[in-house]
C-alpha cells in the first residue's frame, strides 16, 4: 500500500485565496464608501432644504417691493446658511440671484420676481450643486 505525500496547502492555493480575499475586500470597501457619500449628501440636502424653505416662507410673507438682493442676503444670514455652508469650514458656499421678469423679458408690467438659491459643496472630490427656485408674484 502506497501513502500519498500531501503536507498542506500549496503555493497556488494560498495565492488563489489571497486574490479572492483582496477582490472581496475591495468590493466591500467600495460599497461602504458609496454609502458614506450618499449619507453625507442626503444630510447636506436636508440642511439646505430646511434653510431654503425657511427663506422662501419669509419671502412669501414680505411685500413684493421689499424683495431685493440685499433682503435675500439678510434672510440667508438669518437662516444661518453662511454658518453651515462656508469655504473655511467645509469648502461650500451659497449663491443667490434675483431676476425681475419684466427686465428679463422686456414686459412693461413688473409682476414677477424669480429667486434662485444654490448651495455648492464638495464631496468625494466632486462638486455638487443643489439649486432651489422661487417665484414671487405681485399681489
N, C-alpha and C. Protein backbone atom coordinates (compact mmCIF):
# COMPACT_ATOMS: atom_id res chain seq x y z
N UNK A 1 0.80 -1.15 0.00
CA UNK A 1 0.00 0.00 0.00
C UNK A 1 0.87 1.25 0.00
N UNK A 2 0.48 2.21 -0.85
CA UNK A 2 1.26 3.42 -1.01
C UNK A 2 0.55 4.60 -0.35
N UNK A 3 1.27 5.37 0.44
CA UNK A 3 0.69 6.55 1.08
C UNK A 3 1.06 7.78 0.27
N UNK A 4 0.07 8.75 0.19
CA UNK A 4 0.38 9.97 -0.55
C UNK A 4 1.16 10.92 0.35
N UNK A 5 1.86 11.80 -0.29
CA UNK A 5 2.75 12.70 0.41
C UNK A 5 2.18 14.12 0.50
N UNK A 6 0.91 14.32 0.76
CA UNK A 6 0.31 15.66 0.85
C UNK A 6 0.57 16.21 2.24
N UNK A 7 1.17 17.44 2.27
CA UNK A 7 1.54 18.03 3.54
C UNK A 7 0.83 19.37 3.80
N UNK A 8 -0.21 19.74 3.08
CA UNK A 8 -0.92 21.00 3.33
C UNK A 8 -1.16 21.76 2.03
N UNK A 9 -1.35 23.03 2.19
CA UNK A 9 -1.69 23.89 1.07
C UNK A 9 -0.46 24.16 0.21
N UNK A 10 -0.70 24.22 -1.07
CA UNK A 10 0.39 24.56 -1.99
C UNK A 10 0.41 26.06 -2.20
N UNK A 11 1.41 26.56 -2.87
CA UNK A 11 1.55 27.99 -3.16
C UNK A 11 0.39 28.53 -3.97
N UNK A 12 -0.09 27.73 -4.91
CA UNK A 12 -1.22 28.17 -5.75
C UNK A 12 -2.47 28.32 -4.93
N UNK A 13 -2.72 27.48 -3.98
CA UNK A 13 -3.89 27.59 -3.11
C UNK A 13 -3.85 28.88 -2.29
N UNK A 14 -2.67 29.18 -1.78
CA UNK A 14 -2.51 30.39 -0.97
C UNK A 14 -2.71 31.63 -1.82
N UNK A 15 -2.10 31.70 -3.00
CA UNK A 15 -2.23 32.86 -3.89
C UNK A 15 -3.68 33.03 -4.33
N UNK A 16 -4.33 31.93 -4.68
CA UNK A 16 -5.74 31.99 -5.09
C UNK A 16 -6.63 32.53 -3.98
N UNK A 17 -6.40 32.09 -2.77
CA UNK A 17 -7.16 32.58 -1.63
C UNK A 17 -6.92 34.05 -1.36
N UNK A 18 -5.66 34.48 -1.48
CA UNK A 18 -5.35 35.90 -1.28
C UNK A 18 -6.01 36.78 -2.34
N UNK A 19 -6.01 36.32 -3.58
CA UNK A 19 -6.64 37.09 -4.66
C UNK A 19 -8.14 37.23 -4.40
N UNK A 20 -8.78 36.16 -4.02
CA UNK A 20 -10.22 36.22 -3.72
C UNK A 20 -10.47 37.15 -2.54
N UNK A 21 -9.63 37.08 -1.51
CA UNK A 21 -9.79 37.96 -0.34
C UNK A 21 -9.62 39.42 -0.71
N UNK A 22 -8.61 39.76 -1.51
CA UNK A 22 -8.36 41.15 -1.89
C UNK A 22 -9.51 41.69 -2.74
N UNK A 23 -9.99 40.91 -3.69
CA UNK A 23 -11.10 41.37 -4.53
C UNK A 23 -12.37 41.58 -3.70
N UNK A 24 -12.67 40.65 -2.82
CA UNK A 24 -13.87 40.80 -1.98
C UNK A 24 -13.73 42.00 -1.04
N UNK A 25 -12.55 42.22 -0.49
CA UNK A 25 -12.33 43.37 0.40
C UNK A 25 -12.48 44.68 -0.35
N UNK A 26 -11.94 44.76 -1.56
CA UNK A 26 -12.07 45.97 -2.36
C UNK A 26 -13.54 46.26 -2.67
N UNK A 27 -14.30 45.25 -2.96
CA UNK A 27 -15.72 45.41 -3.24
C UNK A 27 -16.46 45.93 -2.01
N UNK A 28 -16.19 45.37 -0.86
CA UNK A 28 -16.86 45.79 0.38
C UNK A 28 -16.48 47.23 0.73
N UNK A 29 -15.21 47.59 0.60
CA UNK A 29 -14.77 48.96 0.89
C UNK A 29 -15.45 49.94 -0.05
N UNK A 30 -15.56 49.60 -1.32
CA UNK A 30 -16.22 50.47 -2.30
C UNK A 30 -17.69 50.67 -1.95
N UNK A 31 -18.36 49.62 -1.53
CA UNK A 31 -19.77 49.74 -1.14
C UNK A 31 -19.92 50.65 0.08
N UNK A 32 -19.05 50.49 1.08
CA UNK A 32 -19.10 51.35 2.26
C UNK A 32 -18.84 52.81 1.88
N UNK A 33 -17.92 53.06 0.96
CA UNK A 33 -17.63 54.43 0.51
C UNK A 33 -18.84 55.04 -0.17
N UNK A 34 -19.51 54.29 -1.02
CA UNK A 34 -20.69 54.79 -1.71
C UNK A 34 -21.82 55.09 -0.72
N UNK A 35 -21.96 54.25 0.29
CA UNK A 35 -22.97 54.51 1.33
C UNK A 35 -22.63 55.78 2.09
N UNK A 36 -21.34 55.98 2.40
CA UNK A 36 -20.91 57.18 3.09
C UNK A 36 -21.21 58.43 2.27
N UNK A 37 -20.87 58.43 0.99
CA UNK A 37 -21.10 59.58 0.11
C UNK A 37 -22.60 59.89 0.02
N UNK A 38 -23.41 58.87 -0.12
CA UNK A 38 -24.85 59.06 -0.22
C UNK A 38 -25.42 59.61 1.08
N UNK A 39 -24.95 59.12 2.20
CA UNK A 39 -25.43 59.58 3.50
C UNK A 39 -25.07 61.05 3.74
N UNK A 40 -23.83 61.41 3.45
CA UNK A 40 -23.40 62.80 3.64
C UNK A 40 -24.18 63.72 2.70
N UNK A 41 -24.33 63.31 1.46
CA UNK A 41 -25.08 64.12 0.51
C UNK A 41 -26.52 64.32 0.96
N UNK A 42 -27.14 63.29 1.47
CA UNK A 42 -28.51 63.38 1.95
C UNK A 42 -28.62 64.34 3.13
N UNK A 43 -27.65 64.29 4.04
CA UNK A 43 -27.67 65.18 5.20
C UNK A 43 -27.47 66.64 4.77
N UNK A 44 -26.59 66.87 3.82
CA UNK A 44 -26.36 68.24 3.33
C UNK A 44 -27.63 68.75 2.66
N UNK A 45 -28.27 67.92 1.85
CA UNK A 45 -29.51 68.34 1.18
C UNK A 45 -30.61 68.61 2.20
N UNK A 46 -30.65 67.83 3.27
CA UNK A 46 -31.65 68.02 4.31
C UNK A 46 -31.48 69.39 4.98
N UNK A 47 -30.26 69.74 5.33
CA UNK A 47 -29.99 71.04 5.97
C UNK A 47 -30.29 72.17 4.98
N UNK A 48 -29.83 72.03 3.74
CA UNK A 48 -30.05 73.07 2.74
C UNK A 48 -31.53 73.26 2.47
N UNK A 49 -32.27 72.18 2.35
CA UNK A 49 -33.70 72.28 2.08
C UNK A 49 -34.43 72.97 3.24
N UNK A 50 -34.07 72.64 4.47
CA UNK A 50 -34.69 73.28 5.62
C UNK A 50 -34.44 74.78 5.65
N UNK A 51 -33.19 75.17 5.42
CA UNK A 51 -32.84 76.60 5.45
C UNK A 51 -33.51 77.35 4.29
N UNK A 52 -33.45 76.79 3.11
CA UNK A 52 -34.02 77.47 1.94
C UNK A 52 -35.53 77.55 2.06
N UNK A 53 -36.17 76.53 2.59
CA UNK A 53 -37.62 76.57 2.79
C UNK A 53 -37.99 77.68 3.76
N UNK A 54 -37.20 77.84 4.81
CA UNK A 54 -37.43 78.93 5.77
C UNK A 54 -37.32 80.29 5.07
N UNK A 55 -36.33 80.44 4.22
CA UNK A 55 -36.14 81.70 3.49
C UNK A 55 -37.32 81.94 2.55
N UNK A 56 -37.74 80.91 1.82
CA UNK A 56 -38.85 81.07 0.88
C UNK A 56 -40.16 81.39 1.62
N UNK A 57 -40.35 80.86 2.80
CA UNK A 57 -41.54 81.20 3.58
C UNK A 57 -41.50 82.67 4.01
N UNK A 58 -40.32 83.16 4.36
CA UNK A 58 -40.19 84.58 4.70
C UNK A 58 -40.45 85.46 3.48
N UNK A 59 -40.00 85.00 2.32
CA UNK A 59 -40.23 85.76 1.08
C UNK A 59 -41.73 85.85 0.80
N UNK A 60 -42.45 84.76 1.06
CA UNK A 60 -43.91 84.78 0.86
C UNK A 60 -44.59 85.82 1.75
N UNK A 61 -44.05 86.05 2.94
CA UNK A 61 -44.65 86.99 3.87
C UNK A 61 -44.27 88.45 3.57
N UNK A 62 -43.21 88.67 2.83
CA UNK A 62 -42.74 90.02 2.52
C UNK A 62 -43.59 90.65 1.41
N UNK A 63 -43.61 91.98 1.40
CA UNK A 63 -44.23 92.70 0.28
C UNK A 63 -43.34 92.56 -0.94
N UNK A 64 -43.96 92.62 -2.09
CA UNK A 64 -43.25 92.44 -3.36
C UNK A 64 -42.12 93.44 -3.52
N UNK A 65 -42.38 94.69 -3.14
CA UNK A 65 -41.38 95.75 -3.31
C UNK A 65 -40.17 95.57 -2.40
N UNK A 66 -40.35 94.87 -1.29
CA UNK A 66 -39.27 94.70 -0.32
C UNK A 66 -38.28 93.59 -0.70
N UNK A 67 -38.62 92.78 -1.68
CA UNK A 67 -37.74 91.68 -2.08
C UNK A 67 -36.64 92.23 -2.98
N UNK A 68 -35.45 92.35 -2.39
CA UNK A 68 -34.26 92.80 -3.11
C UNK A 68 -33.13 91.83 -2.82
N UNK A 69 -32.03 91.99 -3.54
CA UNK A 69 -30.88 91.11 -3.29
C UNK A 69 -30.34 91.30 -1.88
N UNK A 70 -30.36 92.53 -1.40
CA UNK A 70 -29.90 92.79 -0.03
C UNK A 70 -30.79 92.09 0.99
N UNK A 71 -32.10 92.12 0.76
CA UNK A 71 -33.03 91.46 1.68
C UNK A 71 -32.86 89.94 1.64
N UNK A 72 -32.61 89.39 0.46
CA UNK A 72 -32.37 87.94 0.35
C UNK A 72 -31.09 87.57 1.08
N UNK A 73 -30.06 88.38 0.93
CA UNK A 73 -28.81 88.12 1.64
C UNK A 73 -29.02 88.18 3.15
N UNK A 74 -29.83 89.13 3.60
CA UNK A 74 -30.14 89.24 5.02
C UNK A 74 -30.90 88.00 5.51
N UNK A 75 -31.83 87.51 4.70
CA UNK A 75 -32.58 86.30 5.07
C UNK A 75 -31.67 85.07 5.13
N UNK A 76 -30.70 85.01 4.23
CA UNK A 76 -29.73 83.90 4.25
C UNK A 76 -28.92 83.95 5.54
N UNK A 77 -28.53 85.14 5.96
CA UNK A 77 -27.80 85.29 7.23
C UNK A 77 -28.68 84.89 8.41
N UNK A 78 -29.95 85.32 8.38
CA UNK A 78 -30.87 84.99 9.47
C UNK A 78 -31.12 83.48 9.58
N UNK A 79 -31.13 82.79 8.44
CA UNK A 79 -31.33 81.34 8.44
C UNK A 79 -30.04 80.58 8.78
N UNK A 80 -28.96 81.31 8.99
CA UNK A 80 -27.64 80.77 9.36
C UNK A 80 -27.05 79.84 8.30
N UNK A 81 -27.40 80.10 7.06
CA UNK A 81 -26.84 79.28 5.98
C UNK A 81 -25.35 79.52 5.81
N UNK A 82 -24.90 80.75 6.08
CA UNK A 82 -23.48 81.03 5.93
C UNK A 82 -22.65 80.35 7.02
N UNK A 83 -23.29 79.99 8.13
CA UNK A 83 -22.58 79.22 9.16
C UNK A 83 -22.44 77.75 8.73
N UNK A 84 -23.49 77.22 8.13
CA UNK A 84 -23.47 75.82 7.70
C UNK A 84 -22.61 75.62 6.45
N UNK A 85 -22.69 76.56 5.53
CA UNK A 85 -22.01 76.42 4.25
C UNK A 85 -21.05 77.59 4.07
N UNK A 86 -19.76 77.35 4.38
CA UNK A 86 -18.75 78.38 4.13
C UNK A 86 -17.45 77.73 3.69
N UNK A 87 -16.66 78.49 2.98
CA UNK A 87 -15.43 77.97 2.38
C UNK A 87 -14.41 77.51 3.42
N UNK A 88 -14.27 78.25 4.51
CA UNK A 88 -13.26 77.91 5.50
C UNK A 88 -13.61 76.62 6.25
N UNK A 89 -14.89 76.46 6.54
CA UNK A 89 -15.31 75.32 7.37
C UNK A 89 -15.38 74.02 6.58
N UNK A 90 -16.03 74.05 5.40
CA UNK A 90 -16.25 72.80 4.68
C UNK A 90 -16.25 72.94 3.16
N UNK A 91 -15.58 73.94 2.64
CA UNK A 91 -15.43 74.14 1.18
C UNK A 91 -16.78 74.16 0.47
N UNK A 92 -17.71 74.89 1.03
CA UNK A 92 -19.02 75.04 0.38
C UNK A 92 -19.43 76.50 0.47
N UNK A 93 -20.40 76.87 -0.35
CA UNK A 93 -20.89 78.24 -0.31
C UNK A 93 -22.31 78.31 -0.85
N UNK A 94 -22.94 79.45 -0.60
CA UNK A 94 -24.31 79.68 -1.04
C UNK A 94 -24.29 80.78 -2.09
N UNK A 95 -24.95 80.53 -3.21
CA UNK A 95 -25.11 81.53 -4.26
C UNK A 95 -26.58 81.88 -4.35
N UNK A 96 -26.88 83.12 -4.65
CA UNK A 96 -28.27 83.53 -4.80
C UNK A 96 -28.37 84.57 -5.89
N UNK A 97 -29.56 84.65 -6.49
CA UNK A 97 -29.80 85.66 -7.50
C UNK A 97 -31.27 86.04 -7.48
N UNK A 98 -31.53 87.25 -7.89
CA UNK A 98 -32.89 87.77 -8.00
C UNK A 98 -33.03 88.33 -9.41
N UNK A 99 -33.98 87.81 -10.14
CA UNK A 99 -34.21 88.26 -11.51
C UNK A 99 -35.61 88.81 -11.62
N UNK A 100 -35.70 90.03 -12.10
CA UNK A 100 -37.00 90.64 -12.33
C UNK A 100 -37.47 90.22 -13.72
N UNK A 101 -38.61 89.58 -13.77
CA UNK A 101 -39.11 89.04 -15.03
C UNK A 101 -39.34 90.15 -16.06
N UNK A 102 -39.77 91.33 -15.61
CA UNK A 102 -40.02 92.44 -16.53
C UNK A 102 -38.73 92.87 -17.23
N UNK A 103 -37.63 92.93 -16.50
CA UNK A 103 -36.35 93.33 -17.09
C UNK A 103 -35.81 92.24 -18.01
N UNK A 104 -36.04 91.00 -17.65
CA UNK A 104 -35.51 89.88 -18.43
C UNK A 104 -36.25 89.71 -19.75
N UNK A 105 -37.57 89.85 -19.73
CA UNK A 105 -38.36 89.56 -20.93
C UNK A 105 -38.79 90.80 -21.69
N UNK A 106 -38.60 91.98 -21.12
CA UNK A 106 -38.98 93.20 -21.81
C UNK A 106 -40.45 93.57 -21.62
N UNK A 107 -41.14 92.90 -20.73
CA UNK A 107 -42.54 93.21 -20.44
C UNK A 107 -42.59 94.51 -19.64
N UNK A 108 -43.60 95.34 -19.90
CA UNK A 108 -43.68 96.64 -19.23
C UNK A 108 -44.09 96.52 -17.77
N UNK A 109 -45.02 95.62 -17.46
CA UNK A 109 -45.50 95.49 -16.08
C UNK A 109 -44.55 94.63 -15.25
N UNK A 110 -44.28 95.10 -14.05
CA UNK A 110 -43.41 94.38 -13.12
C UNK A 110 -44.29 93.49 -12.24
N UNK A 111 -44.44 92.20 -12.63
CA UNK A 111 -45.35 91.30 -11.94
C UNK A 111 -44.67 90.12 -11.27
N UNK A 112 -43.48 89.74 -11.71
CA UNK A 112 -42.81 88.54 -11.19
C UNK A 112 -41.35 88.82 -10.85
N UNK A 113 -40.92 88.18 -9.78
CA UNK A 113 -39.50 88.13 -9.45
C UNK A 113 -39.13 86.67 -9.27
N UNK A 114 -38.01 86.27 -9.83
CA UNK A 114 -37.54 84.89 -9.71
C UNK A 114 -36.33 84.87 -8.79
N UNK A 115 -36.42 84.10 -7.74
CA UNK A 115 -35.35 83.98 -6.76
C UNK A 115 -34.72 82.60 -6.90
N UNK A 116 -33.40 82.55 -6.99
CA UNK A 116 -32.66 81.30 -7.12
C UNK A 116 -31.63 81.25 -5.99
N UNK A 117 -31.66 80.19 -5.21
CA UNK A 117 -30.66 79.97 -4.16
C UNK A 117 -30.01 78.62 -4.44
N UNK A 118 -28.69 78.61 -4.54
CA UNK A 118 -27.95 77.40 -4.87
C UNK A 118 -26.88 77.16 -3.81
N UNK A 119 -26.83 75.93 -3.32
CA UNK A 119 -25.77 75.51 -2.39
C UNK A 119 -24.77 74.70 -3.20
N UNK A 120 -23.49 75.07 -3.12
CA UNK A 120 -22.43 74.38 -3.83
C UNK A 120 -21.48 73.79 -2.78
N UNK A 121 -21.25 72.48 -2.87
CA UNK A 121 -20.36 71.83 -1.90
C UNK A 121 -19.58 70.72 -2.59
N UNK A 122 -18.50 70.30 -1.95
CA UNK A 122 -17.65 69.22 -2.47
C UNK A 122 -17.82 67.98 -1.61
N UNK A 123 -17.91 66.84 -2.29
CA UNK A 123 -17.96 65.58 -1.58
C UNK A 123 -17.30 64.52 -2.45
N UNK A 124 -16.38 63.81 -1.89
CA UNK A 124 -15.68 62.76 -2.63
C UNK A 124 -14.92 63.29 -3.83
N UNK A 125 -14.45 64.54 -3.76
CA UNK A 125 -13.70 65.12 -4.87
C UNK A 125 -14.58 65.65 -5.98
N UNK A 126 -15.90 65.59 -5.83
CA UNK A 126 -16.82 66.10 -6.85
C UNK A 126 -17.56 67.32 -6.32
N UNK A 127 -17.74 68.32 -7.18
CA UNK A 127 -18.50 69.50 -6.80
C UNK A 127 -19.97 69.25 -7.10
N UNK A 128 -20.81 69.44 -6.09
CA UNK A 128 -22.24 69.19 -6.21
C UNK A 128 -22.97 70.52 -6.06
N UNK A 129 -23.92 70.79 -6.94
CA UNK A 129 -24.75 71.98 -6.82
C UNK A 129 -26.18 71.55 -6.51
N UNK A 130 -26.79 72.26 -5.58
CA UNK A 130 -28.16 71.95 -5.15
C UNK A 130 -28.98 73.23 -5.29
N UNK A 131 -29.64 73.43 -6.44
CA UNK A 131 -30.40 74.67 -6.64
C UNK A 131 -31.87 74.53 -6.22
N UNK A 132 -32.43 75.63 -5.75
CA UNK A 132 -33.86 75.73 -5.48
C UNK A 132 -34.33 77.10 -5.96
N UNK A 133 -35.52 77.13 -6.55
CA UNK A 133 -36.05 78.36 -7.13
C UNK A 133 -37.39 78.72 -6.53
N UNK A 134 -37.70 80.01 -6.58
CA UNK A 134 -38.97 80.53 -6.08
C UNK A 134 -39.40 81.67 -6.96
N UNK A 135 -40.70 81.77 -7.17
CA UNK A 135 -41.26 82.90 -7.92
C UNK A 135 -42.12 83.70 -6.96
N UNK A 136 -41.85 85.00 -6.90
CA UNK A 136 -42.66 85.91 -6.08
C UNK A 136 -43.54 86.70 -7.04
N UNK A 137 -44.85 86.66 -6.79
CA UNK A 137 -45.81 87.31 -7.66
C UNK A 137 -46.35 88.56 -6.96
N UNK A 138 -46.45 89.63 -7.73
CA UNK A 138 -47.03 90.87 -7.18
C UNK A 138 -48.52 90.62 -6.91
N UNK A 139 -48.95 91.00 -5.74
CA UNK A 139 -50.36 90.77 -5.36
C UNK A 139 -51.17 92.01 -5.52
